């Protein structure tokens, strides 16, 4: 969403709310392509860099914060505009989240220590429906499903059928999904990572590594962090790290493209222009 256009069309009463799972972290200004002060052009931006990297931001955490920001915008008579491509964040905000109780610490420790093959075999026995829906190597989702059924006595699907907290039926939505031509998109991914490298990505990762955070934290698994880390350690030379980072970006874009094509409601408009929608279309959406 173009900040200047949003500002113009809403009489200055717009608030842009981040829905990107990397841009939430203060530590990832460069590698997440977080908007600069100049790019914000005087329009209030919320939930950009709002989390310290040491604190993971779950979909539930983000959705709670987004609900508060949306309510505050409405109270002020402003139009909240959500931007970003983290589908799980948007789905949790609109549809709600399964009210799974806190997992017992001993159960979590036991499950997370299991080799993925052993965990998958256990899940097949204890929650066969969920196991059948997962790839045998999907360690994170297998562990989550297994710890849920062992800690609560109910399969994950049973909890997911009881989602709470969604606001999709209480707000008016004007969704717009951008689906640029793939060759253009992949070229943009390559140029984007190269610009990040030139504009401070290496120093950003150096500062992140100096904090000695848990490697399992989301901020440490963001695209580009591993590739820059490999360069800093001497495992990869600069050209190799650039190629690896660009490839990781393209792979993520491909997964995101596929998700956006199939997962959101079919009635949500999907724009396939090469770059971005014309101002007339954005204006129509804002004024409907």
C-alpha atoms as a PDB file:
ATOM      1  CA  UNK A   1       0.000   0.000   0.000  1.00  0.00           C
ATOM      2  CA  UNK A   2       1.443   3.370  -0.974  1.00  0.00           C
ATOM      3  CA  UNK A   3       1.577   5.547   2.110  1.00  0.00           C
ATOM      4  CA  UNK A   4       1.188   8.820   0.220  1.00  0.00           C
ATOM      5  CA  UNK A   5      -1.863   7.574  -1.676  1.00  0.00           C
ATOM      6  CA  UNK A   6      -3.438   6.171   1.486  1.00  0.00           C
ATOM      7  CA  UNK A   7      -2.810   9.481   3.221  1.00  0.00           C
ATOM      8  CA  UNK A   8      -4.351  11.444   0.337  1.00  0.00           C
ATOM      9  CA  UNK A   9      -7.436   9.283  -0.092  1.00  0.00           C
ATOM     10  CA  UNK A  10      -8.259   9.040   3.597  1.00  0.00           C
ATOM     11  CA  UNK A  11      -7.637  12.676   4.448  1.00  0.00           C
ATOM     12  CA  UNK A  12      -4.654  11.746   6.582  1.00  0.00           C
ATOM     13  CA  UNK A  13      -6.753   9.313   8.611  1.00  0.00           C
ATOM     14  CA  UNK A  14      -4.978   6.083   7.739  1.00  0.00           C
ATOM     15  CA  UNK A  15      -2.934   3.756   9.919  1.00  0.00           C
ATOM     16  CA  UNK A  16      -0.711   1.125   8.287  1.00  0.00           C
ATOM     17  CA  UNK A  17      -0.433  -2.056  10.369  1.00  0.00           C
ATOM     18  CA  UNK A  18       2.326  -4.564   9.703  1.00  0.00           C
ATOM     19  CA  UNK A  19       1.357  -8.185   9.049  1.00  0.00           C
ATOM     20  CA  UNK A  20       4.817  -9.482   8.141  1.00  0.00           C
ATOM     21  CA  UNK A  21       6.427 -11.921  10.571  1.00  0.00           C
ATOM     22  CA  UNK A  22       9.971 -10.639   9.932  1.00  0.00           C
ATOM     23  CA  UNK A  23       9.188  -6.925   9.984  1.00  0.00           C
ATOM     24  CA  UNK A  24       7.842  -7.230  13.535  1.00  0.00           C
ATOM     25  CA  UNK A  25      11.398  -7.592  14.874  1.00  0.00           C
ATOM     26  CA  UNK A  26      13.439  -4.540  15.788  1.00  0.00           C
ATOM     27  CA  UNK A  27      16.626  -6.448  14.901  1.00  0.00           C
ATOM     28  CA  UNK A  28      15.679  -6.950  11.229  1.00  0.00           C
ATOM     29  CA  UNK A  29      15.235  -3.495   9.736  1.00  0.00           C
ATOM     30  CA  UNK A  30      17.386  -4.287   6.676  1.00  0.00           C
ATOM     31  CA  UNK A  31      16.805  -7.997   6.105  1.00  0.00           C
ATOM     32  CA  UNK A  32      13.042  -7.621   6.423  1.00  0.00           C
ATOM     33  CA  UNK A  33      12.950  -4.538   4.142  1.00  0.00           C
ATOM     34  CA  UNK A  34      11.115  -2.637   6.854  1.00  0.00           C
ATOM     35  CA  UNK A  35       9.874   0.747   5.567  1.00  0.00           C
ATOM     36  CA  UNK A  36      12.070   3.709   6.367  1.00  0.00           C
ATOM     37  CA  UNK A  37      10.882   6.959   7.897  1.00  0.00           C
ATOM     38  CA  UNK A  38      11.006   8.530   4.446  1.00  0.00           C
ATOM     39  CA  UNK A  39       8.906   5.740   2.942  1.00  0.00           C
ATOM     40  CA  UNK A  40       6.265   6.092   5.652  1.00  0.00           C
ATOM     41  CA  UNK A  41       5.672   9.668   4.438  1.00  0.00           C
ATOM     42  CA  UNK A  42       4.029  10.833   7.632  1.00  0.00           C
ATOM     43  CA  UNK A  43       1.442   8.034   7.777  1.00  0.00           C
ATOM     44  CA  UNK A  44       1.341   6.266  11.174  1.00  0.00           C
ATOM     45  CA  UNK A  45       2.831   2.757  10.940  1.00  0.00           C
ATOM     46  CA  UNK A  46       2.189   0.207  13.694  1.00  0.00           C
ATOM     47  CA  UNK A  47       3.787  -3.122  14.683  1.00  0.00           C
ATOM     48  CA  UNK A  48       6.927  -2.517  12.622  1.00  0.00           C
ATOM     49  CA  UNK A  49       9.962  -3.406  14.738  1.00  0.00           C
ATOM     50  CA  UNK A  50       7.676  -3.776  17.754  1.00  0.00           C
ATOM     51  CA  UNK A  51       9.235  -6.993  19.114  1.00  0.00           C
ATOM     52  CA  UNK A  52      12.734  -7.494  20.439  1.00  0.00           C
ATOM     53  CA  UNK A  53      14.392 -10.454  18.737  1.00  0.00           C
ATOM     54  CA  UNK A  54      14.774 -12.260  22.050  1.00  0.00           C
ATOM     55  CA  UNK A  55      10.979 -12.521  22.327  1.00  0.00           C
ATOM     56  CA  UNK A  56       9.266 -14.692  19.698  1.00  0.00           C
ATOM     57  CA  UNK A  57       6.162 -13.160  18.172  1.00  0.00           C
ATOM     58  CA  UNK A  58       3.596 -15.910  17.650  1.00  0.00           C
ATOM     59  CA  UNK A  59       0.564 -15.569  15.423  1.00  0.00           C
ATOM     60  CA  UNK A  60      -1.555 -15.232  18.562  1.00  0.00           C
ATOM     61  CA  UNK A  61       0.728 -12.495  19.926  1.00  0.00           C
ATOM     62  CA  UNK A  62       0.559 -10.557  16.683  1.00  0.00           C
ATOM     63  CA  UNK A  63      -3.196 -10.996  16.306  1.00  0.00           C
ATOM     64  CA  UNK A  64      -3.800  -9.641  19.818  1.00  0.00           C
ATOM     65  CA  UNK A  65      -1.646  -6.601  19.082  1.00  0.00           C
ATOM     66  CA  UNK A  66      -3.283  -6.090  15.679  1.00  0.00           C
ATOM     67  CA  UNK A  67      -6.768  -6.241  17.189  1.00  0.00           C
ATOM     68  CA  UNK A  68      -5.763  -3.506  19.615  1.00  0.00           C
ATOM     69  CA  UNK A  69      -4.301  -1.344  16.839  1.00  0.00           C
ATOM     70  CA  UNK A  70      -7.373  -1.806  14.648  1.00  0.00           C
ATOM     71  CA  UNK A  71      -9.665  -0.867  17.526  1.00  0.00           C
ATOM     72  CA  UNK A  72      -7.546   2.210  18.257  1.00  0.00           C
ATOM     73  CA  UNK A  73      -7.666   3.260  14.602  1.00  0.00           C
ATOM     74  CA  UNK A  74     -11.437   2.900  14.495  1.00  0.00           C
ATOM     75  CA  UNK A  75     -11.766   4.846  17.726  1.00  0.00           C
ATOM     76  CA  UNK A  76      -9.731   7.657  16.159  1.00  0.00           C
ATOM     77  CA  UNK A  77     -11.803   7.583  12.975  1.00  0.00           C
ATOM     78  CA  UNK A  78      -8.869   6.294  10.938  1.00  0.00           C
ATOM     79  CA  UNK A  79      -8.758   3.543   8.328  1.00  0.00           C
ATOM     80  CA  UNK A  80      -6.548   0.585   9.375  1.00  0.00           C
ATOM     81  CA  UNK A  81      -4.633  -0.835   6.398  1.00  0.00           C
ATOM     82  CA  UNK A  82      -2.955  -4.198   6.980  1.00  0.00           C
ATOM     83  CA  UNK A  83       0.048  -4.936   4.777  1.00  0.00           C
ATOM     84  CA  UNK A  84       2.279  -7.972   4.587  1.00  0.00           C
ATOM     85  CA  UNK A  85       2.245 -11.538   3.446  1.00  0.00           C
ATOM     86  CA  UNK A  86       2.319 -13.734   6.543  1.00  0.00           C
ATOM     87  CA  UNK A  87      -0.782 -15.776   5.899  1.00  0.00           C
ATOM     88  CA  UNK A  88      -0.877 -17.387   9.336  1.00  0.00           C
ATOM     89  CA  UNK A  89      -0.984 -13.954  10.949  1.00  0.00           C
ATOM     90  CA  UNK A  90      -3.919 -12.820   8.811  1.00  0.00           C
ATOM     91  CA  UNK A  91      -5.775 -16.110   9.222  1.00  0.00           C
ATOM     92  CA  UNK A  92      -5.383 -15.985  13.006  1.00  0.00           C
ATOM     93  CA  UNK A  93      -6.615 -12.389  13.141  1.00  0.00           C
ATOM     94  CA  UNK A  94      -9.673 -13.057  10.990  1.00  0.00           C
ATOM     95  CA  UNK A  95     -10.587 -16.633  11.912  1.00  0.00           C
ATOM     96  CA  UNK A  96      -9.260 -16.856  15.463  1.00  0.00           C
ATOM     97  CA  UNK A  97      -6.950 -19.381  17.066  1.00  0.00           C
ATOM     98  CA  UNK A  98      -7.409 -22.766  18.652  1.00  0.00           C
ATOM     99  CA  UNK A  99      -7.607 -22.391  22.459  1.00  0.00           C
ATOM    100  CA  UNK A 100      -4.949 -25.026  23.146  1.00  0.00           C
ATOM    101  CA  UNK A 101      -3.946 -24.964  26.842  1.00  0.00           C
ATOM    102  CA  UNK A 102      -0.309 -24.447  27.768  1.00  0.00           C
ATOM    103  CA  UNK A 103       1.688 -27.590  27.070  1.00  0.00           C
ATOM    104  CA  UNK A 104       3.089 -29.355  30.115  1.00  0.00           C
ATOM    105  CA  UNK A 105       6.815 -28.657  30.336  1.00  0.00           C
ATOM    106  CA  UNK A 106       7.839 -32.292  30.767  1.00  0.00           C
ATOM    107  CA  UNK A 107       5.720 -33.360  27.787  1.00  0.00           C
ATOM    108  CA  UNK A 108       7.229 -30.654  25.587  1.00  0.00           C
ATOM    109  CA  UNK A 109      10.772 -31.541  26.604  1.00  0.00           C
ATOM    110  CA  UNK A 110      10.189 -35.238  25.948  1.00  0.00           C
ATOM    111  CA  UNK A 111       8.587 -34.672  22.533  1.00  0.00           C
ATOM    112  CA  UNK A 112      11.119 -32.107  21.362  1.00  0.00           C
ATOM    113  CA  UNK A 113      13.969 -34.476  22.234  1.00  0.00           C
ATOM    114  CA  UNK A 114      12.602 -37.250  20.007  1.00  0.00           C
ATOM    115  CA  UNK A 115      14.092 -37.926  16.568  1.00  0.00           C
ATOM    116  CA  UNK A 116      11.606 -36.897  13.903  1.00  0.00           C
ATOM    117  CA  UNK A 117      11.062 -40.485  12.703  1.00  0.00           C
ATOM    118  CA  UNK A 118      10.231 -41.627  16.228  1.00  0.00           C
ATOM    119  CA  UNK A 119       7.928 -38.654  16.789  1.00  0.00           C
ATOM    120  CA  UNK A 120       6.139 -39.321  13.515  1.00  0.00           C
ATOM    121  CA  UNK A 121       5.610 -42.980  14.420  1.00  0.00           C
ATOM    122  CA  UNK A 122       4.197 -41.927  17.788  1.00  0.00           C
ATOM    123  CA  UNK A 123       1.902 -39.377  16.157  1.00  0.00           C
ATOM    124  CA  UNK A 124       0.688 -42.011  13.693  1.00  0.00           C
ATOM    125  CA  UNK A 125      -0.397 -44.129  16.655  1.00  0.00           C
ATOM    126  CA  UNK A 126      -1.840 -41.316  18.815  1.00  0.00           C
ATOM    127  CA  UNK A 127      -3.308 -38.941  16.204  1.00  0.00           C
ATOM    128  CA  UNK A 128      -3.390 -40.801  12.871  1.00  0.00           C
ATOM    129  CA  UNK A 129      -5.529 -38.166  11.160  1.00  0.00           C
ATOM    130  CA  UNK A 130      -2.976 -35.432  11.797  1.00  0.00           C
ATOM    131  CA  UNK A 131      -0.043 -37.699  10.966  1.00  0.00           C
ATOM    132  CA  UNK A 132      -1.595 -38.524   7.595  1.00  0.00           C
ATOM    133  CA  UNK A 133      -1.780 -34.819   6.785  1.00  0.00           C
ATOM    134  CA  UNK A 134       1.912 -34.158   7.512  1.00  0.00           C
ATOM    135  CA  UNK A 135       5.128 -35.004   5.723  1.00  0.00           C
ATOM    136  CA  UNK A 136       7.217 -37.490   7.756  1.00  0.00           C
ATOM    137  CA  UNK A 137      10.088 -34.983   7.855  1.00  0.00           C
ATOM    138  CA  UNK A 138       8.012 -31.987   9.038  1.00  0.00           C
ATOM    139  CA  UNK A 139       9.631 -31.942  12.463  1.00  0.00           C
ATOM    140  CA  UNK A 140       8.046 -28.753  13.821  1.00  0.00           C
ATOM    141  CA  UNK A 141       4.440 -29.628  12.974  1.00  0.00           C
ATOM    142  CA  UNK A 142       4.842 -33.261  14.027  1.00  0.00           C
ATOM    143  CA  UNK A 143       6.224 -32.199  17.419  1.00  0.00           C
ATOM    144  CA  UNK A 144       3.443 -29.664  17.889  1.00  0.00           C
ATOM    145  CA  UNK A 145       0.680 -32.166  17.125  1.00  0.00           C
ATOM    146  CA  UNK A 146       2.229 -34.838  19.332  1.00  0.00           C
ATOM    147  CA  UNK A 147       2.758 -32.555  22.317  1.00  0.00           C
ATOM    148  CA  UNK A 148      -0.822 -31.301  22.044  1.00  0.00           C
ATOM    149  CA  UNK A 149      -2.402 -34.757  22.057  1.00  0.00           C
ATOM    150  CA  UNK A 150      -0.151 -35.965  24.866  1.00  0.00           C
ATOM    151  CA  UNK A 151      -0.588 -32.885  27.041  1.00  0.00           C
ATOM    152  CA  UNK A 152      -4.309 -32.307  26.543  1.00  0.00           C
ATOM    153  CA  UNK A 153      -5.642 -35.728  25.666  1.00  0.00           C
ATOM    154  CA  UNK A 154      -7.275 -34.289  22.527  1.00  0.00           C
ATOM    155  CA  UNK A 155      -5.951 -34.147  18.956  1.00  0.00           C
ATOM    156  CA  UNK A 156      -5.005 -30.797  17.500  1.00  0.00           C
ATOM    157  CA  UNK A 157      -7.905 -30.912  15.033  1.00  0.00           C
ATOM    158  CA  UNK A 158     -10.390 -30.966  17.912  1.00  0.00           C
ATOM    159  CA  UNK A 159      -8.918 -27.762  19.314  1.00  0.00           C
ATOM    160  CA  UNK A 160      -8.752 -26.143  15.880  1.00  0.00           C
ATOM    161  CA  UNK A 161     -12.492 -26.682  15.487  1.00  0.00           C
ATOM    162  CA  UNK A 162     -13.035 -24.347  18.444  1.00  0.00           C
ATOM    163  CA  UNK A 163     -11.194 -21.243  17.240  1.00  0.00           C
ATOM    164  CA  UNK A 164     -11.746 -18.084  19.272  1.00  0.00           C
ATOM    165  CA  UNK A 165     -10.851 -14.417  18.950  1.00  0.00           C
ATOM    166  CA  UNK A 166     -11.319 -13.914  15.200  1.00  0.00           C
ATOM    167  CA  UNK A 167     -12.613 -10.548  13.992  1.00  0.00           C
ATOM    168  CA  UNK A 168     -13.423 -11.497  10.407  1.00  0.00           C
ATOM    169  CA  UNK A 169     -17.174 -11.341  10.987  1.00  0.00           C
ATOM    170  CA  UNK A 170     -17.072  -8.013  12.845  1.00  0.00           C
ATOM    171  CA  UNK A 171     -15.186  -5.797  10.387  1.00  0.00           C
ATOM    172  CA  UNK A 172     -15.650  -4.769   6.753  1.00  0.00           C
ATOM    173  CA  UNK A 173     -12.819  -6.170   4.647  1.00  0.00           C
ATOM    174  CA  UNK A 174     -11.457  -4.770   1.392  1.00  0.00           C
ATOM    175  CA  UNK A 175      -8.781  -7.356   0.550  1.00  0.00           C
ATOM    176  CA  UNK A 176      -6.335  -7.127  -2.331  1.00  0.00           C
ATOM    177  CA  UNK A 177      -3.765  -9.801  -3.214  1.00  0.00           C
ATOM    178  CA  UNK A 178      -0.887  -8.868  -5.508  1.00  0.00           C
ATOM    179  CA  UNK A 179       0.212 -11.716  -7.804  1.00  0.00           C
ATOM    180  CA  UNK A 180       2.986 -10.304 -10.023  1.00  0.00           C
ATOM    181  CA  UNK A 181       4.397 -12.194 -12.963  1.00  0.00           C
ATOM    182  CA  UNK A 182       6.799 -14.808 -11.592  1.00  0.00           C
ATOM    183  CA  UNK A 183       9.860 -14.014 -13.711  1.00  0.00           C
ATOM    184  CA  UNK A 184       9.586 -10.372 -12.686  1.00  0.00           C
ATOM    185  CA  UNK A 185       9.090 -11.397  -9.055  1.00  0.00           C
ATOM    186  CA  UNK A 186      12.141 -13.673  -8.959  1.00  0.00           C
ATOM    187  CA  UNK A 187      14.323 -11.020 -10.582  1.00  0.00           C
ATOM    188  CA  UNK A 188      13.060  -8.575  -7.957  1.00  0.00           C
ATOM    189  CA  UNK A 189      13.995 -11.086  -5.227  1.00  0.00           C
ATOM    190  CA  UNK A 190      17.574 -11.242  -6.507  1.00  0.00           C
ATOM    191  CA  UNK A 191      17.919  -7.465  -6.713  1.00  0.00           C
ATOM    192  CA  UNK A 192      16.275  -7.067  -3.299  1.00  0.00           C
ATOM    193  CA  UNK A 193      18.782  -9.303  -1.518  1.00  0.00           C
ATOM    194  CA  UNK A 194      21.727  -7.667  -3.281  1.00  0.00           C
ATOM    195  CA  UNK A 195      20.501  -4.243  -2.130  1.00  0.00           C
ATOM    196  CA  UNK A 196      20.090  -5.520   1.415  1.00  0.00           C
ATOM    197  CA  UNK A 197      23.685  -6.746   1.358  1.00  0.00           C
ATOM    198  CA  UNK A 198      24.893  -3.349   0.164  1.00  0.00           C
ATOM    199  CA  UNK A 199      22.770  -1.423   2.649  1.00  0.00           C
ATOM    200  CA  UNK A 200      23.746  -2.960   5.950  1.00  0.00           C
ATOM    201  CA  UNK A 201      22.606  -6.583   6.123  1.00  0.00           C
ATOM    202  CA  UNK A 202      26.050  -7.834   7.159  1.00  0.00           C
ATOM    203  CA  UNK A 203      26.351  -5.333  10.003  1.00  0.00           C
ATOM    204  CA  UNK A 204      22.783  -6.125  11.054  1.00  0.00           C
ATOM    205  CA  UNK A 205      23.555  -9.846  11.366  1.00  0.00           C
ATOM    206  CA  UNK A 206      26.829  -9.094  13.163  1.00  0.00           C
ATOM    207  CA  UNK A 207      24.853  -7.162  15.785  1.00  0.00           C
ATOM    208  CA  UNK A 208      22.302  -9.972  16.011  1.00  0.00           C
ATOM    209  CA  UNK A 209      24.988 -12.615  16.510  1.00  0.00           C
ATOM    210  CA  UNK A 210      26.622 -10.519  19.201  1.00  0.00           C
ATOM    211  CA  UNK A 211      23.462 -10.917  21.271  1.00  0.00           C
ATOM    212  CA  UNK A 212      24.040 -14.723  21.402  1.00  0.00           C
ATOM    213  CA  UNK A 213      20.343 -15.462  21.076  1.00  0.00           C
ATOM    214  CA  UNK A 214      18.872 -18.963  20.909  1.00  0.00           C
ATOM    215  CA  UNK A 215      19.339 -20.140  17.292  1.00  0.00           C
ATOM    216  CA  UNK A 216      15.794 -21.558  17.380  1.00  0.00           C
ATOM    217  CA  UNK A 217      14.215 -18.109  17.788  1.00  0.00           C
ATOM    218  CA  UNK A 218      12.278 -16.858  14.750  1.00  0.00           C
ATOM    219  CA  UNK A 219      14.523 -13.815  14.391  1.00  0.00           C
ATOM    220  CA  UNK A 220      17.525 -16.113  13.945  1.00  0.00           C
ATOM    221  CA  UNK A 221      15.734 -18.143  11.284  1.00  0.00           C
ATOM    222  CA  UNK A 222      14.703 -15.178   9.141  1.00  0.00           C
ATOM    223  CA  UNK A 223      15.717 -15.324   5.492  1.00  0.00           C
ATOM    224  CA  UNK A 224      19.218 -13.974   5.058  1.00  0.00           C
ATOM    225  CA  UNK A 225      20.450 -14.482   8.610  1.00  0.00           C
ATOM    226  CA  UNK A 226      21.912 -17.942   7.952  1.00  0.00           C
ATOM    227  CA  UNK A 227      23.483 -16.845   4.670  1.00  0.00           C
ATOM    228  CA  UNK A 228      25.138 -13.750   6.156  1.00  0.00           C
ATOM    229  CA  UNK A 229      26.239 -15.808   9.163  1.00  0.00           C
ATOM    230  CA  UNK A 230      27.916 -18.309   6.832  1.00  0.00           C
ATOM    231  CA  UNK A 231      29.764 -15.431   5.148  1.00  0.00           C
ATOM    232  CA  UNK A 232      30.886 -13.984   8.466  1.00  0.00           C
ATOM    233  CA  UNK A 233      32.169 -17.372   9.622  1.00  0.00           C
ATOM    234  CA  UNK A 234      34.086 -17.920   6.395  1.00  0.00           C
ATOM    235  CA  UNK A 235      31.943 -20.872   5.325  1.00  0.00           C
ATOM    236  CA  UNK A 236      30.796 -18.991   2.220  1.00  0.00           C
ATOM    237  CA  UNK A 237      32.510 -16.287   0.212  1.00  0.00           C
ATOM    238  CA  UNK A 238      30.481 -13.160  -0.605  1.00  0.00           C
ATOM    239  CA  UNK A 239      29.267 -14.291  -4.029  1.00  0.00           C
ATOM    240  CA  UNK A 240      28.165 -17.647  -2.621  1.00  0.00           C
ATOM    241  CA  UNK A 241      26.333 -16.025   0.286  1.00  0.00           C
ATOM    242  CA  UNK A 242      24.591 -13.617  -2.077  1.00  0.00           C
ATOM    243  CA  UNK A 243      23.510 -16.480  -4.323  1.00  0.00           C
ATOM    244  CA  UNK A 244      22.267 -18.512  -1.355  1.00  0.00           C
ATOM    245  CA  UNK A 245      20.334 -15.577   0.090  1.00  0.00           C
ATOM    246  CA  UNK A 246      18.737 -14.802  -3.251  1.00  0.00           C
ATOM    247  CA  UNK A 247      17.744 -18.433  -3.702  1.00  0.00           C
ATOM    248  CA  UNK A 248      16.217 -18.589  -0.223  1.00  0.00           C
ATOM    249  CA  UNK A 249      14.236 -15.443  -0.997  1.00  0.00           C
ATOM    250  CA  UNK A 250      12.941 -16.892  -4.268  1.00  0.00           C
ATOM    251  CA  UNK A 251      11.941 -20.134  -2.579  1.00  0.00           C
ATOM    252  CA  UNK A 252       9.995 -18.244   0.048  1.00  0.00           C
ATOM    253  CA  UNK A 253       8.336 -16.106  -2.600  1.00  0.00           C
ATOM    254  CA  UNK A 254       7.286 -19.272  -4.445  1.00  0.00           C
ATOM    255  CA  UNK A 255       5.725 -20.758  -1.293  1.00  0.00           C
ATOM    256  CA  UNK A 256       4.017 -17.464  -0.506  1.00  0.00           C
ATOM    257  CA  UNK A 257       2.736 -17.166  -4.080  1.00  0.00           C
ATOM    258  CA  UNK A 258       1.252 -20.669  -3.912  1.00  0.00           C
ATOM    259  CA  UNK A 259      -0.362 -19.998  -0.532  1.00  0.00           C
ATOM    260  CA  UNK A 260      -1.911 -16.736  -1.716  1.00  0.00           C
ATOM    261  CA  UNK A 261      -3.235 -18.382  -4.853  1.00  0.00           C
ATOM    262  CA  UNK A 262      -5.067 -21.172  -3.015  1.00  0.00           C
ATOM    263  CA  UNK A 263      -5.641 -20.378   0.663  1.00  0.00           C
ATOM    264  CA  UNK A 264      -7.465 -17.013   0.941  1.00  0.00           C
ATOM    265  CA  UNK A 265     -11.166 -16.956   0.007  1.00  0.00           C
ATOM    266  CA  UNK A 266     -11.792 -17.274  -3.719  1.00  0.00           C
ATOM    267  CA  UNK A 267     -13.692 -13.981  -3.773  1.00  0.00           C
ATOM    268  CA  UNK A 268     -10.662 -11.980  -2.642  1.00  0.00           C
ATOM    269  CA  UNK A 269      -9.396 -10.115  -5.736  1.00  0.00           C
ATOM    270  CA  UNK A 270      -6.036 -11.265  -7.067  1.00  0.00           C
ATOM    271  CA  UNK A 271      -4.177  -8.685  -9.143  1.00  0.00           C
ATOM    272  CA  UNK A 272      -1.721 -10.081 -11.675  1.00  0.00           C
ATOM    273  CA  UNK A 273      -0.184  -6.850 -12.957  1.00  0.00           C
ATOM    274  CA  UNK A 274       3.583  -6.861 -13.330  1.00  0.00           C
ATOM    275  CA  UNK A 275       4.244  -4.416 -10.518  1.00  0.00           C
ATOM    276  CA  UNK A 276       1.442  -2.968  -8.407  1.00  0.00           C
ATOM    277  CA  UNK A 277      -2.230  -2.089  -8.931  1.00  0.00           C
ATOM    278  CA  UNK A 278      -3.112   1.271 -10.459  1.00  0.00           C
ATOM    279  CA  UNK A 279      -4.024   4.081  -8.078  1.00  0.00           C
ATOM    280  CA  UNK A 280      -7.614   3.966  -9.376  1.00  0.00           C
ATOM    281  CA  UNK A 281      -8.057   0.408  -8.088  1.00  0.00           C
ATOM    282  CA  UNK A 282      -6.560   1.216  -4.686  1.00  0.00           C
ATOM    283  CA  UNK A 283      -8.784   4.289  -4.509  1.00  0.00           C
ATOM    284  CA  UNK A 284     -11.860   2.195  -5.280  1.00  0.00           C
ATOM    285  CA  UNK A 285     -11.012  -0.268  -2.531  1.00  0.00           C
ATOM    286  CA  UNK A 286     -10.510   2.487   0.028  1.00  0.00           C
ATOM    287  CA  UNK A 287     -13.795   4.182  -0.812  1.00  0.00           C
ATOM    288  CA  UNK A 288     -16.096   1.156  -1.134  1.00  0.00           C
END
